[in-house]
């Protein structure tokens, strides 16, 4: 997977700004209901069978859809291999301050973290 270059990251961050509140609420629900300590938001522009739909791009002015998922689902579907779970947990940022995004685009897919504000 290619790393998102700085310019594209800033563009993505800007495009996702209107989604922050709902993404934060989805993460809070996962944490508060003790579903997982590792919420992951799947940000995509095509159909994806991963997580629970939170935002459908057809229903908003933005061009991204968002699904709420967890590390456990990623492990179950082998998107994160069992022997890499601890590595992922070690880089995972505090979900009270950051959103963990799995961004799927024409460039591929990768994890990024953005501040909640």
Protein backbone atom coordinates (compact mmCIF):
# COMPACT_ATOMS: atom_id res chain seq x y z
CA UNK A 1 0.00 0.00 0.00
CA UNK A 2 1.26 3.41 -0.89
CA UNK A 3 1.40 6.04 1.78
CA UNK A 4 -0.93 8.99 1.29
CA UNK A 5 1.25 11.92 0.31
CA UNK A 6 0.97 15.06 2.42
CA UNK A 7 -1.13 17.01 -0.11
CA UNK A 8 -3.63 14.20 -0.59
CA UNK A 9 -3.80 13.72 3.20
CA UNK A 10 -4.69 17.40 3.68
CA UNK A 11 -7.33 17.14 0.93
CA UNK A 12 -8.82 14.03 2.51
CA UNK A 13 -8.76 15.62 5.95
CA UNK A 14 -10.62 18.64 4.55
CA UNK A 15 -13.18 16.45 2.71
CA UNK A 16 -13.88 14.52 5.90
CA UNK A 17 -14.32 17.57 8.13
CA UNK A 18 -18.15 17.56 7.81
CA UNK A 19 -18.14 13.86 8.82
CA UNK A 20 -16.11 14.28 12.03
CA UNK A 21 -19.04 14.63 14.40
CA UNK A 22 -20.83 11.50 13.19
CA UNK A 23 -17.55 9.55 12.98
CA UNK A 24 -16.78 10.54 16.58
CA UNK A 25 -20.27 9.44 17.68
CA UNK A 26 -19.80 6.07 15.97
CA UNK A 27 -16.46 5.56 17.74
CA UNK A 28 -17.97 6.63 21.07
CA UNK A 29 -20.80 4.10 20.65
CA UNK A 30 -18.31 1.29 19.98
CA UNK A 31 -16.27 2.27 23.05
CA UNK A 32 -19.22 2.94 25.40
CA UNK A 33 -20.99 -0.31 24.51
CA UNK A 34 -17.66 -2.10 25.02
CA UNK A 35 -17.85 -3.61 21.54
CA UNK A 36 -14.12 -2.95 21.10
CA UNK A 37 -11.27 -0.81 22.40
CA UNK A 38 -10.18 -0.38 18.77
CA UNK A 39 -12.85 1.28 16.62
CA UNK A 40 -11.96 1.64 12.94
CA UNK A 41 -13.87 3.81 10.47
CA UNK A 42 -13.86 2.51 6.92
CA UNK A 43 -13.90 5.48 4.54
CA UNK A 44 -14.73 4.50 0.96
CA UNK A 45 -16.30 5.55 -2.33
CA UNK A 46 -17.48 2.16 -3.55
CA UNK A 47 -19.52 -0.69 -2.07
CA UNK A 48 -17.71 -2.42 0.77
CA UNK A 49 -18.84 -5.37 2.87
CA UNK A 50 -17.07 -4.29 6.02
CA UNK A 51 -18.51 -2.77 9.17
CA UNK A 52 -21.87 -1.11 9.69
CA UNK A 53 -22.86 1.79 7.41
CA UNK A 54 -22.80 5.14 9.22
CA UNK A 55 -22.83 7.57 6.27
CA UNK A 56 -23.86 6.79 2.69
CA UNK A 57 -22.34 9.26 0.25
CA UNK A 58 -25.59 9.22 -1.73
CA UNK A 59 -27.32 10.83 1.27
CA UNK A 60 -24.79 13.60 1.97
CA UNK A 61 -23.08 16.37 0.04
CA UNK A 62 -19.67 14.70 0.42
CA UNK A 63 -18.14 12.05 -1.79
CA UNK A 64 -17.27 9.51 0.92
CA UNK A 65 -19.23 6.78 2.66
CA UNK A 66 -18.26 5.71 6.17
CA UNK A 67 -18.74 2.35 7.89
CA UNK A 68 -17.97 1.64 11.55
CA UNK A 69 -15.85 -1.42 12.23
CA UNK A 70 -13.41 -2.78 14.79
CA UNK A 71 -10.01 -4.41 15.01
CA UNK A 72 -11.81 -7.66 15.83
CA UNK A 73 -13.73 -7.60 12.53
CA UNK A 74 -10.54 -6.78 10.61
CA UNK A 75 -8.84 -9.76 12.30
CA UNK A 76 -11.81 -12.07 11.70
CA UNK A 77 -11.84 -11.15 8.00
CA UNK A 78 -8.04 -11.48 7.95
CA UNK A 79 -7.49 -7.90 6.81
CA UNK A 80 -5.08 -7.75 9.74
CA UNK A 81 -3.24 -11.02 10.19
CA UNK A 82 -3.27 -12.60 13.65
CA UNK A 83 0.49 -12.17 14.02
CA UNK A 84 0.17 -8.42 13.24
CA UNK A 85 -2.56 -7.57 15.78
CA UNK A 86 -0.08 -6.58 18.50
CA UNK A 87 1.82 -4.39 16.01
CA UNK A 88 -1.45 -2.66 15.10
CA UNK A 89 -2.37 -2.19 18.76
CA UNK A 90 1.03 -0.63 19.45
CA UNK A 91 0.55 2.10 16.81
CA UNK A 92 -3.17 2.63 17.47
CA UNK A 93 -3.74 6.14 18.82
CA UNK A 94 -6.03 6.99 21.74
CA UNK A 95 -9.59 6.81 20.32
CA UNK A 96 -10.69 9.60 22.68
CA UNK A 97 -8.40 12.00 20.77
CA UNK A 98 -7.98 10.41 17.32
CA UNK A 99 -10.08 8.66 14.71
CA UNK A 100 -8.62 5.55 13.10
CA UNK A 101 -9.56 5.52 9.43
CA UNK A 102 -9.14 2.73 6.92
CA UNK A 103 -9.27 4.68 3.68
CA UNK A 104 -10.13 2.75 0.53
CA UNK A 105 -9.64 4.72 -2.68
CA UNK A 106 -8.39 4.36 -6.24
CA UNK A 107 -4.87 4.50 -4.73
CA UNK A 108 -5.44 1.39 -2.64
CA UNK A 109 -6.17 1.12 1.07
CA UNK A 110 -4.38 2.29 4.17
CA UNK A 111 -4.81 3.22 7.80
CA UNK A 112 -4.50 6.84 8.86
CA UNK A 113 -5.23 8.64 12.11
CA UNK A 114 -6.77 12.10 12.30
CA UNK A 115 -7.52 14.31 15.29
CA UNK A 116 -11.12 14.25 16.44
CA UNK A 117 -11.52 18.05 16.37
